[in-house]
Amino acid sequence: LPYVPRVPPVALLGKVTATTFALERPCCVFDRHANSSDTVWLVVAFANASATFRNPSSRADVPLYKQLPSTHSYMTLETAAAAFACPAPSPAVLRVGGDTACKDQGRQDPCNGPLPSPGPYRVKFLLMGCHGPKAETLWSDPILLRRALSPSTIDPVPTRRGSDVVVIASLLASLGTVLATAVLGALGTKVWGSLCQRDLGTSAFAHRSYRTHHIPPALPQPPPSGCGCSPRGLGCFALRPPAPCHRN
């Protein structure tokens, strides 16, 4: 069949990872060749081994996932042909290598285990009936998985930045310093002014003149009781209510 499997061209989360990749579903591809009892298989092979792959004559001859290291190919994702009929049901993609339980449990049935290396890989779809293969698609273009970085390859020293970046960073740092200084200066001026006003108010109160209640000057005290005469004989004076005074 003239259909070529491919990784979806649209943006897709996890479209290609270190152990998996996504494929478009081959919808409406096998409608004229499939019966209700037929199944569609996905053949996965290393790119350099796809030319030597031979289709199995029956389901009993399907190469298993665990044989990939020795046979360089395997078949997986056995699906009823009706699932790929028009109109296409969801989901729109198939995930190759998404079954992590295949490797751990040592299952004998065809499974969809994680891919052991970056590849590259090539894939094709194969329609099989009760008596063997009935139709197949073309091989895909080579699909290369992502490579995980080794910790020894990570450079602990940051990459040197360009001179423009350094200049911009310096200007931003200087601007931040100037702004911080201005803000601190404004706050300091405000606080200092408040303290000065408080001090001025206290000083004005301290130096403000303060008068006690007016106390009149003391009056002369009267002489002792009795009479006295003027040394010149001009008369007598009394310190108590006036009384006649006679010369002896």
C-alpha atoms as a PDB file:
ATOM      1  CA  LEU A   1       0.000   0.000   0.000  1.00  0.00           C
ATOM      2  CA  PRO A   2       1.300   3.520  -0.741  1.00  0.00           C
ATOM      3  CA  TYR A   3       0.956   4.654   2.870  1.00  0.00           C
ATOM      4  CA  VAL A   4       4.121   5.727   4.715  1.00  0.00           C
ATOM      5  CA  PRO A   5       3.979   5.705   8.556  1.00  0.00           C
ATOM      6  CA  ARG A   6       5.271   8.876  10.175  1.00  0.00           C
ATOM      7  CA  VAL A   7       5.700  10.708  13.436  1.00  0.00           C
ATOM      8  CA  PRO A   8       2.950  13.358  13.777  1.00  0.00           C
ATOM      9  CA  PRO A   9       4.206  16.694  12.404  1.00  0.00           C
ATOM     10  CA  VAL A  10       2.184  18.709  14.912  1.00  0.00           C
ATOM     11  CA  ALA A  11       3.455  19.748  18.333  1.00  0.00           C
ATOM     12  CA  LEU A  12       2.894  16.894  20.760  1.00  0.00           C
ATOM     13  CA  LEU A  13       4.116  16.424  24.316  1.00  0.00           C
ATOM     14  CA  GLY A  14       6.570  13.496  24.425  1.00  0.00           C
ATOM     15  CA  LYS A  15       6.370  12.946  20.690  1.00  0.00           C
ATOM     16  CA  VAL A  16       9.893  11.482  20.707  1.00  0.00           C
ATOM     17  CA  THR A  17      11.656  10.473  23.913  1.00  0.00           C
ATOM     18  CA  ALA A  18      14.685   8.353  24.813  1.00  0.00           C
ATOM     19  CA  THR A  19      12.641   5.103  24.714  1.00  0.00           C
ATOM     20  CA  THR A  20       9.380   5.904  22.867  1.00  0.00           C
ATOM     21  CA  PHE A  21       7.945   7.728  19.882  1.00  0.00           C
ATOM     22  CA  ALA A  22       4.476   8.519  18.569  1.00  0.00           C
ATOM     23  CA  LEU A  23       2.985   7.438  15.220  1.00  0.00           C
ATOM     24  CA  GLU A  24      -0.061   8.588  13.314  1.00  0.00           C
ATOM     25  CA  ARG A  25      -2.829   5.980  13.200  1.00  0.00           C
ATOM     26  CA  PRO A  26      -3.183   4.324   9.749  1.00  0.00           C
ATOM     27  CA  CYS A  27      -6.845   5.212   9.455  1.00  0.00           C
ATOM     28  CA  CYS A  28      -8.760   4.375   6.263  1.00  0.00           C
ATOM     29  CA  VAL A  29      -5.677   2.542   4.885  1.00  0.00           C
ATOM     30  CA  PHE A  30      -6.892  -1.113   5.059  1.00  0.00           C
ATOM     31  CA  ASP A  31     -10.626  -0.650   4.466  1.00  0.00           C
ATOM     32  CA  ARG A  32     -10.659  -2.357   1.048  1.00  0.00           C
ATOM     33  CA  HIS A  33      -8.471  -5.281   2.194  1.00  0.00           C
ATOM     34  CA  ALA A  34      -9.563  -6.116   5.725  1.00  0.00           C
ATOM     35  CA  ASN A  35     -12.231  -8.413   7.107  1.00  0.00           C
ATOM     36  CA  SER A  36     -13.755  -8.223  10.558  1.00  0.00           C
ATOM     37  CA  SER A  37     -11.420 -10.961  11.831  1.00  0.00           C
ATOM     38  CA  ASP A  38      -8.201  -9.413  10.498  1.00  0.00           C
ATOM     39  CA  THR A  39      -5.647  -7.643  12.639  1.00  0.00           C
ATOM     40  CA  VAL A  40      -3.095  -4.916  12.008  1.00  0.00           C
ATOM     41  CA  TRP A  41       0.449  -5.246  13.370  1.00  0.00           C
ATOM     42  CA  LEU A  42       3.267  -2.756  13.672  1.00  0.00           C
ATOM     43  CA  VAL A  43       6.697  -3.993  12.595  1.00  0.00           C
ATOM     44  CA  VAL A  44       9.624  -2.251  14.327  1.00  0.00           C
ATOM     45  CA  ALA A  45      13.160  -2.773  13.050  1.00  0.00           C
ATOM     46  CA  PHE A  46      16.515  -1.114  13.247  1.00  0.00           C
ATOM     47  CA  ALA A  47      16.917   1.061  10.157  1.00  0.00           C
ATOM     48  CA  ASN A  48      19.833  -0.988   8.827  1.00  0.00           C
ATOM     49  CA  ALA A  49      17.878  -4.267   9.264  1.00  0.00           C
ATOM     50  CA  SER A  50      14.544  -3.299   7.697  1.00  0.00           C
ATOM     51  CA  ALA A  51      15.578  -4.511   4.241  1.00  0.00           C
ATOM     52  CA  THR A  52      16.177  -8.049   5.521  1.00  0.00           C
ATOM     53  CA  PHE A  53      12.895  -8.368   7.424  1.00  0.00           C
ATOM     54  CA  ARG A  54      10.575 -11.118   6.223  1.00  0.00           C
ATOM     55  CA  ASN A  55       6.867 -11.120   6.993  1.00  0.00           C
ATOM     56  CA  PRO A  56       5.777 -14.066   9.201  1.00  0.00           C
ATOM     57  CA  SER A  57       3.531 -16.651   7.612  1.00  0.00           C
ATOM     58  CA  SER A  58       1.275 -16.902  10.661  1.00  0.00           C
ATOM     59  CA  ARG A  59       0.744 -15.387  14.097  1.00  0.00           C
ATOM     60  CA  ALA A  60       2.851 -18.148  15.645  1.00  0.00           C
ATOM     61  CA  ASP A  61       5.869 -16.867  13.715  1.00  0.00           C
ATOM     62  CA  VAL A  62       5.564 -13.228  14.830  1.00  0.00           C
ATOM     63  CA  PRO A  63       8.951 -12.026  16.203  1.00  0.00           C
ATOM     64  CA  LEU A  64       8.658 -10.977  19.840  1.00  0.00           C
ATOM     65  CA  TYR A  65       9.916  -7.871  21.588  1.00  0.00           C
ATOM     66  CA  LYS A  66      12.486  -9.786  23.602  1.00  0.00           C
ATOM     67  CA  GLN A  67      14.107 -10.999  20.340  1.00  0.00           C
ATOM     68  CA  LEU A  68      15.028  -7.478  19.222  1.00  0.00           C
ATOM     69  CA  PRO A  69      18.709  -7.720  20.312  1.00  0.00           C
ATOM     70  CA  SER A  70      19.201 -10.849  18.190  1.00  0.00           C
ATOM     71  CA  THR A  71      16.768 -10.485  15.282  1.00  0.00           C
ATOM     72  CA  HIS A  72      16.965  -6.637  15.142  1.00  0.00           C
ATOM     73  CA  SER A  73      13.198  -6.459  14.627  1.00  0.00           C
ATOM     74  CA  TYR A  74       9.906  -7.358  16.311  1.00  0.00           C
ATOM     75  CA  MET A  75       6.148  -6.964  15.864  1.00  0.00           C
ATOM     76  CA  THR A  76       3.786  -5.277  18.320  1.00  0.00           C
ATOM     77  CA  LEU A  77       0.508  -3.337  18.788  1.00  0.00           C
ATOM     78  CA  GLU A  78      -1.777  -6.049  17.445  1.00  0.00           C
ATOM     79  CA  THR A  79      -5.069  -4.248  16.807  1.00  0.00           C
ATOM     80  CA  ALA A  80      -8.368  -5.244  15.187  1.00  0.00           C
ATOM     81  CA  ALA A  81      -8.550  -3.834  11.688  1.00  0.00           C
ATOM     82  CA  ALA A  82     -11.926  -2.264  12.503  1.00  0.00           C
ATOM     83  CA  ALA A  83     -10.164   0.164  14.880  1.00  0.00           C
ATOM     84  CA  PHE A  84      -8.484   1.802  11.885  1.00  0.00           C
ATOM     85  CA  ALA A  85     -11.581   2.005   9.684  1.00  0.00           C
ATOM     86  CA  CYS A  86     -13.125   5.293   8.553  1.00  0.00           C
ATOM     87  CA  PRO A  87     -14.166   7.451  10.237  1.00  0.00           C
ATOM     88  CA  ALA A  88     -11.093   7.401  12.446  1.00  0.00           C
ATOM     89  CA  PRO A  89     -11.798   6.945  16.172  1.00  0.00           C
ATOM     90  CA  SER A  90      -9.674   8.558  18.844  1.00  0.00           C
ATOM     91  CA  PRO A  91      -6.910   8.608  19.954  1.00  0.00           C
ATOM     92  CA  ALA A  92      -5.197   9.973  16.868  1.00  0.00           C
ATOM     93  CA  VAL A  93      -1.724   8.588  17.648  1.00  0.00           C
ATOM     94  CA  LEU A  94      -0.057   5.335  18.663  1.00  0.00           C
ATOM     95  CA  ARG A  95       2.717   5.207  21.265  1.00  0.00           C
ATOM     96  CA  VAL A  96       5.588   2.862  20.372  1.00  0.00           C
ATOM     97  CA  GLY A  97       7.569   1.595  23.380  1.00  0.00           C
ATOM     98  CA  GLY A  98       5.082   2.721  26.013  1.00  0.00           C
ATOM     99  CA  ASP A  99       4.577  -0.590  27.887  1.00  0.00           C
ATOM    100  CA  THR A 100       7.206  -0.760  30.640  1.00  0.00           C
ATOM    101  CA  ALA A 101       5.783  -4.034  31.998  1.00  0.00           C
ATOM    102  CA  CYS A 102       6.994  -6.033  28.974  1.00  0.00           C
ATOM    103  CA  LYS A 103      10.603  -6.187  30.032  1.00  0.00           C
ATOM    104  CA  ASP A 104      10.003  -6.692  33.733  1.00  0.00           C
ATOM    105  CA  GLN A 105       7.527  -9.574  33.513  1.00  0.00           C
ATOM    106  CA  GLY A 106       9.190 -11.512  30.677  1.00  0.00           C
ATOM    107  CA  ARG A 107       5.877 -11.909  28.866  1.00  0.00           C
ATOM    108  CA  GLN A 108       5.770 -14.217  25.853  1.00  0.00           C
ATOM    109  CA  ASP A 109       2.900 -12.481  24.079  1.00  0.00           C
ATOM    110  CA  PRO A 110       3.776  -9.633  21.708  1.00  0.00           C
ATOM    111  CA  CYS A 111       4.168  -6.480  23.785  1.00  0.00           C
ATOM    112  CA  ASN A 112       5.117  -2.861  23.287  1.00  0.00           C
ATOM    113  CA  GLY A 113       8.227  -2.516  25.413  1.00  0.00           C
ATOM    114  CA  PRO A 114      10.598   0.489  25.713  1.00  0.00           C
ATOM    115  CA  LEU A 115      13.118   0.779  22.907  1.00  0.00           C
ATOM    116  CA  PRO A 116      16.603  -0.141  24.155  1.00  0.00           C
ATOM    117  CA  SER A 117      18.655   2.396  22.166  1.00  0.00           C
ATOM    118  CA  PRO A 118      18.263   5.630  20.191  1.00  0.00           C
ATOM    119  CA  GLY A 119      18.129   3.643  16.925  1.00  0.00           C
ATOM    120  CA  PRO A 120      17.387   4.855  14.334  1.00  0.00           C
ATOM    121  CA  TYR A 121      14.301   2.714  13.703  1.00  0.00           C
ATOM    122  CA  ARG A 122      11.973   2.157  10.770  1.00  0.00           C
ATOM    123  CA  VAL A 123       8.398   0.898  11.053  1.00  0.00           C
ATOM    124  CA  LYS A 124       5.584  -0.411   8.819  1.00  0.00           C
ATOM    125  CA  PHE A 125       2.025  -1.685   9.306  1.00  0.00           C
ATOM    126  CA  LEU A 126       1.143  -5.248   8.324  1.00  0.00           C
ATOM    127  CA  LEU A 127      -2.409  -6.546   7.828  1.00  0.00           C
ATOM    128  CA  MET A 128      -2.706 -10.247   8.742  1.00  0.00           C
ATOM    129  CA  GLY A 129      -5.625 -12.612   8.343  1.00  0.00           C
ATOM    130  CA  CYS A 130      -6.180 -16.197   9.395  1.00  0.00           C
ATOM    131  CA  HIS A 131      -3.922 -17.464   6.630  1.00  0.00           C
ATOM    132  CA  GLY A 132      -1.088 -14.952   6.927  1.00  0.00           C
ATOM    133  CA  PRO A 133      -0.226 -11.465   5.613  1.00  0.00           C
ATOM    134  CA  LYS A 134      -2.758  -9.744   3.364  1.00  0.00           C
ATOM    135  CA  ALA A 135      -1.395  -6.205   2.906  1.00  0.00           C
ATOM    136  CA  GLU A 136       1.388  -3.967   4.158  1.00  0.00           C
ATOM    137  CA  THR A 137       2.461  -0.328   4.048  1.00  0.00           C
ATOM    138  CA  LEU A 138       5.803   1.125   3.051  1.00  0.00           C
ATOM    139  CA  TRP A 139       8.589   1.518   5.585  1.00  0.00           C
ATOM    140  CA  SER A 140       8.819   4.816   7.401  1.00  0.00           C
ATOM    141  CA  ASP A 141      11.762   7.152   7.253  1.00  0.00           C
ATOM    142  CA  PRO A 142      14.410   6.519   9.949  1.00  0.00           C
ATOM    143  CA  ILE A 143      13.244   7.633  13.398  1.00  0.00           C
ATOM    144  CA  LEU A 144      15.988   8.643  15.824  1.00  0.00           C
ATOM    145  CA  LEU A 145      15.182   8.802  19.524  1.00  0.00           C
ATOM    146  CA  ARG A 146      16.517  11.355  21.949  1.00  0.00           C
ATOM    147  CA  ARG A 147      19.816  10.669  23.640  1.00  0.00           C
ATOM    148  CA  ALA A 148      20.132  10.962  27.403  1.00  0.00           C
ATOM    149  CA  LEU A 149      23.130  13.019  28.448  1.00  0.00           C
ATOM    150  CA  SER A 150      25.748  11.305  30.568  1.00  0.00           C
ATOM    151  CA  PRO A 151      26.569  13.137  33.835  1.00  0.00           C
ATOM    152  CA  SER A 152      30.240  13.141  32.803  1.00  0.00           C
ATOM    153  CA  THR A 153      29.398  15.207  29.718  1.00  0.00           C
ATOM    154  CA  ILE A 154      27.754  18.026  31.659  1.00  0.00           C
ATOM    155  CA  ASP A 155      30.041  21.050  31.951  1.00  0.00           C
ATOM    156  CA  PRO A 156      29.940  22.305  35.548  1.00  0.00           C
ATOM    157  CA  VAL A 157      31.417  25.659  34.478  1.00  0.00           C
ATOM    158  CA  PRO A 158      28.748  28.017  33.132  1.00  0.00           C
ATOM    159  CA  THR A 159      29.210  29.202  29.580  1.00  0.00           C
ATOM    160  CA  ARG A 160      30.824  32.606  29.332  1.00  0.00           C
ATOM    161  CA  ARG A 161      28.403  35.313  28.514  1.00  0.00           C
ATOM    162  CA  GLY A 162      28.911  37.781  25.695  1.00  0.00           C
ATOM    163  CA  SER A 163      30.231  41.258  26.374  1.00  0.00           C
ATOM    164  CA  ASP A 164      26.830  42.794  25.593  1.00  0.00           C
ATOM    165  CA  VAL A 165      25.159  40.684  28.254  1.00  0.00           C
ATOM    166  CA  VAL A 166      27.834  41.633  30.783  1.00  0.00           C
ATOM    167  CA  VAL A 167      27.413  45.342  29.995  1.00  0.00           C
ATOM    168  CA  ILE A 168      23.634  45.140  30.325  1.00  0.00           C
ATOM    169  CA  ALA A 169      23.924  43.239  33.603  1.00  0.00           C
ATOM    170  CA  SER A 170      26.373  45.863  34.924  1.00  0.00           C
ATOM    171  CA  LEU A 171      24.060  48.723  33.945  1.00  0.00           C
ATOM    172  CA  LEU A 172      21.110  47.042  35.600  1.00  0.00           C
ATOM    173  CA  ALA A 173      23.122  46.455  38.768  1.00  0.00           C
ATOM    174  CA  SER A 174      24.266  50.124  38.801  1.00  0.00           C
ATOM    175  CA  LEU A 175      20.717  51.329  38.224  1.00  0.00           C
ATOM    176  CA  GLY A 176      19.514  49.185  41.087  1.00  0.00           C
ATOM    177  CA  THR A 177      22.181  50.650  43.373  1.00  0.00           C
ATOM    178  CA  VAL A 178      21.243  54.217  42.412  1.00  0.00           C
ATOM    179  CA  LEU A 179      17.561  53.565  43.008  1.00  0.00           C
ATOM    180  CA  ALA A 180      18.258  51.949  46.363  1.00  0.00           C
ATOM    181  CA  THR A 181      20.457  54.905  47.392  1.00  0.00           C
ATOM    182  CA  ALA A 182      17.776  57.395  46.331  1.00  0.00           C
ATOM    183  CA  VAL A 183      15.082  55.587  48.266  1.00  0.00           C
ATOM    184  CA  LEU A 184      17.232  55.300  51.381  1.00  0.00           C
ATOM    185  CA  GLY A 185      18.178  58.987  51.082  1.00  0.00           C
ATOM    186  CA  ALA A 186      14.562  60.052  50.820  1.00  0.00           C
ATOM    187  CA  LEU A 187      13.614  57.941  53.822  1.00  0.00           C
ATOM    188  CA  GLY A 188      16.575  59.289  55.803  1.00  0.00           C
ATOM    189  CA  THR A 189      15.663  62.910  54.982  1.00  0.00           C
ATOM    190  CA  LYS A 190      12.081  62.328  56.043  1.00  0.00           C
ATOM    191  CA  VAL A 191      13.117  60.688  59.323  1.00  0.00           C
ATOM    192  CA  TRP A 192      15.724  63.358  60.030  1.00  0.00           C
ATOM    193  CA  GLY A 193      13.180  66.130  59.387  1.00  0.00           C
ATOM    194  CA  SER A 194      10.742  64.489  61.762  1.00  0.00           C
ATOM    195  CA  LEU A 195      13.411  64.228  64.464  1.00  0.00           C
ATOM    196  CA  CYS A 196      14.461  67.852  63.950  1.00  0.00           C
ATOM    197  CA  GLN A 197      10.878  69.078  64.305  1.00  0.00           C
ATOM    198  CA  ARG A 198      10.558  67.063  67.483  1.00  0.00           C
ATOM    199  CA  ASP A 199      13.818  68.515  68.855  1.00  0.00           C
ATOM    200  CA  LEU A 200      12.812  72.080  67.922  1.00  0.00           C
ATOM    201  CA  GLY A 201       9.551  71.700  69.731  1.00  0.00           C
ATOM    202  CA  THR A 202      11.324  70.485  72.863  1.00  0.00           C
ATOM    203  CA  SER A 203      13.916  73.292  72.749  1.00  0.00           C
ATOM    204  CA  ALA A 204      11.265  75.949  72.280  1.00  0.00           C
ATOM    205  CA  PHE A 205       9.463  74.624  75.292  1.00  0.00           C
ATOM    206  CA  ALA A 206      12.697  74.487  77.288  1.00  0.00           C
ATOM    207  CA  HIS A 207      13.779  78.083  76.433  1.00  0.00           C
ATOM    208  CA  ARG A 208      10.327  79.607  76.598  1.00  0.00           C
ATOM    209  CA  SER A 209      10.201  82.344  79.286  1.00  0.00           C
ATOM    210  CA  TYR A 210       8.236  81.445  82.327  1.00  0.00           C
ATOM    211  CA  ARG A 211       7.027  83.944  84.891  1.00  0.00           C
ATOM    212  CA  THR A 212       5.840  83.058  88.338  1.00  0.00           C
ATOM    213  CA  HIS A 213       2.875  84.814  89.946  1.00  0.00           C
ATOM    214  CA  HIS A 214       3.629  88.500  90.728  1.00  0.00           C
ATOM    215  CA  ILE A 215       4.680  89.033  94.333  1.00  0.00           C
ATOM    216  CA  PRO A 216       4.609  92.705  95.389  1.00  0.00           C
ATOM    217  CA  PRO A 217       7.688  94.155  97.130  1.00  0.00           C
ATOM    218  CA  ALA A 218       7.775  93.837 100.869  1.00  0.00           C
ATOM    219  CA  LEU A 219       6.449  96.875 102.778  1.00  0.00           C
ATOM    220  CA  PRO A 220       8.631  98.518 105.506  1.00  0.00           C
ATOM    221  CA  GLN A 221       8.001  97.007 108.911  1.00  0.00           C
ATOM    222  CA  PRO A 222       6.736  99.409 111.634  1.00  0.00           C
ATOM    223  CA  PRO A 223       9.107 100.255 114.484  1.00  0.00           C
ATOM    224  CA  PRO A 224       8.507  98.887 117.972  1.00  0.00           C
ATOM    225  CA  SER A 225       5.525 100.145 120.012  1.00  0.00           C
ATOM    226  CA  GLY A 226       5.922 103.390 121.962  1.00  0.00           C
ATOM    227  CA  CYS A 227       6.636 107.048 121.302  1.00  0.00           C
ATOM    228  CA  GLY A 228       9.675 108.776 120.071  1.00  0.00           C
ATOM    229  CA  CYS A 229      10.595 112.366 119.733  1.00  0.00           C
ATOM    230  CA  SER A 230      12.289 114.150 117.006  1.00  0.00           C
ATOM    231  CA  PRO A 231      15.896 114.911 117.714  1.00  0.00           C
ATOM    232  CA  ARG A 232      15.247 118.514 116.777  1.00  0.00           C
ATOM    233  CA  GLY A 233      12.230 118.861 118.956  1.00  0.00           C
ATOM    234  CA  LEU A 234       9.854 118.992 116.109  1.00  0.00           C
ATOM    235  CA  GLY A 235       7.391 116.697 117.741  1.00  0.00           C
ATOM    236  CA  CYS A 236       6.722 113.126 118.447  1.00  0.00           C
ATOM    237  CA  PHE A 237       5.615 110.254 116.285  1.00  0.00           C
ATOM    238  CA  ALA A 238       3.750 107.094 117.161  1.00  0.00           C
ATOM    239  CA  LEU A 239       4.035 103.608 115.828  1.00  0.00           C
ATOM    240  CA  ARG A 240       0.531 102.774 116.857  1.00  0.00           C
ATOM    241  CA  PRO A 241      -2.601 104.840 116.566  1.00  0.00           C
ATOM    242  CA  PRO A 242      -1.551 108.440 117.151  1.00  0.00           C
ATOM    243  CA  ALA A 243      -1.593 109.673 120.731  1.00  0.00           C
ATOM    244  CA  PRO A 244      -0.594 112.992 122.287  1.00  0.00           C
ATOM    245  CA  CYS A 245       2.993 113.232 123.133  1.00  0.00           C
ATOM    246  CA  HIS A 246       4.294 115.667 125.796  1.00  0.00           C
ATOM    247  CA  ARG A 247       7.847 116.821 126.376  1.00  0.00           C
ATOM    248  CA  ASN A 248       9.132 116.249 129.861  1.00  0.00           C
END
